[in-house]
Amino acid sequence: MGGGDIIKRMLHSKALADKWIKLGYKIVALSYTGCFGETPLTFHLEKEL
């Protein structure tokens, strides 16, 4: 892997997302379920190497 490569993660738990954020990942998107998008389902994280 060279500079500019990106590692992506998809997590279904806020607690796990918080742990990956501490390792340098950033939330780039959220996928929602429910009629009005009130319940987060998936956290999309990325980290640039």
C-alpha atoms as a PDB file:
ATOM      1  CA  MET A   1       0.000   0.000   0.000  1.00  0.00           C
ATOM      2  CA  GLY A   2       1.290   3.411  -0.928  1.00  0.00           C
ATOM      3  CA  GLY A   3       0.441   6.867   0.341  1.00  0.00           C
ATOM      4  CA  GLY A   4      -3.151   7.926  -0.221  1.00  0.00           C
ATOM      5  CA  ASP A   5      -4.563   4.421   0.235  1.00  0.00           C
ATOM      6  CA  ILE A   6      -7.777   4.227   2.237  1.00  0.00           C
ATOM      7  CA  ILE A   7      -8.979   1.512   4.611  1.00  0.00           C
ATOM      8  CA  LYS A   8     -12.773   1.307   4.950  1.00  0.00           C
ATOM      9  CA  ARG A   9     -14.837  -0.200   7.766  1.00  0.00           C
ATOM     10  CA  MET A  10     -18.594  -0.643   8.196  1.00  0.00           C
ATOM     11  CA  LEU A  11     -19.805  -1.129  11.773  1.00  0.00           C
ATOM     12  CA  HIS A  12     -23.247  -1.719  13.271  1.00  0.00           C
ATOM     13  CA  SER A  13     -22.356  -0.535  16.773  1.00  0.00           C
ATOM     14  CA  LYS A  14     -21.671   2.983  18.076  1.00  0.00           C
ATOM     15  CA  ALA A  15     -19.411   1.539  20.784  1.00  0.00           C
ATOM     16  CA  LEU A  16     -17.256  -0.218  18.166  1.00  0.00           C
ATOM     17  CA  ALA A  17     -17.246   2.886  15.961  1.00  0.00           C
ATOM     18  CA  ASP A  18     -15.939   4.917  18.911  1.00  0.00           C
ATOM     19  CA  LYS A  19     -13.057   2.453  19.356  1.00  0.00           C
ATOM     20  CA  TRP A  20     -12.088   2.667  15.660  1.00  0.00           C
ATOM     21  CA  ILE A  21     -12.309   6.480  15.789  1.00  0.00           C
ATOM     22  CA  LYS A  22      -9.703   6.431  18.573  1.00  0.00           C
ATOM     23  CA  LEU A  23      -7.449   4.527  16.135  1.00  0.00           C
ATOM     24  CA  GLY A  24      -7.650   7.363  13.599  1.00  0.00           C
ATOM     25  CA  TYR A  25     -10.719   6.431  11.556  1.00  0.00           C
ATOM     26  CA  LYS A  26     -13.324   9.054  10.605  1.00  0.00           C
ATOM     27  CA  ILE A  27     -17.067   8.601  10.093  1.00  0.00           C
ATOM     28  CA  VAL A  28     -17.769   9.431   6.449  1.00  0.00           C
ATOM     29  CA  ALA A  29     -21.404   8.283   6.252  1.00  0.00           C
ATOM     30  CA  LEU A  30     -24.291   6.792   8.219  1.00  0.00           C
ATOM     31  CA  SER A  31     -26.901   4.391   6.849  1.00  0.00           C
ATOM     32  CA  TYR A  32     -30.309   4.661   8.510  1.00  0.00           C
ATOM     33  CA  THR A  33     -33.361   2.467   8.890  1.00  0.00           C
ATOM     34  CA  GLY A  34     -36.827   3.387  10.046  1.00  0.00           C
ATOM     35  CA  CYS A  35     -39.534   5.540   8.519  1.00  0.00           C
ATOM     36  CA  PHE A  36     -37.891   8.867   9.286  1.00  0.00           C
ATOM     37  CA  GLY A  37     -34.226   7.835   9.591  1.00  0.00           C
ATOM     38  CA  GLU A  38     -34.219   8.031  13.367  1.00  0.00           C
ATOM     39  CA  THR A  39     -32.256   4.839  14.036  1.00  0.00           C
ATOM     40  CA  PRO A  40     -28.628   4.620  12.869  1.00  0.00           C
ATOM     41  CA  LEU A  41     -27.835   1.185  11.501  1.00  0.00           C
ATOM     42  CA  THR A  42     -24.353   1.322   9.989  1.00  0.00           C
ATOM     43  CA  PHE A  43     -21.368   3.595  10.562  1.00  0.00           C
ATOM     44  CA  HIS A  44     -19.102   3.936   7.503  1.00  0.00           C
ATOM     45  CA  LEU A  45     -15.527   4.709   8.573  1.00  0.00           C
ATOM     46  CA  GLU A  46     -12.373   5.461   6.589  1.00  0.00           C
ATOM     47  CA  LYS A  47      -8.708   5.947   7.414  1.00  0.00           C
ATOM     48  CA  GLU A  48      -6.113   7.284   4.997  1.00  0.00           C
ATOM     49  CA  LEU A  49      -2.706   5.630   5.192  1.00  0.00           C
END
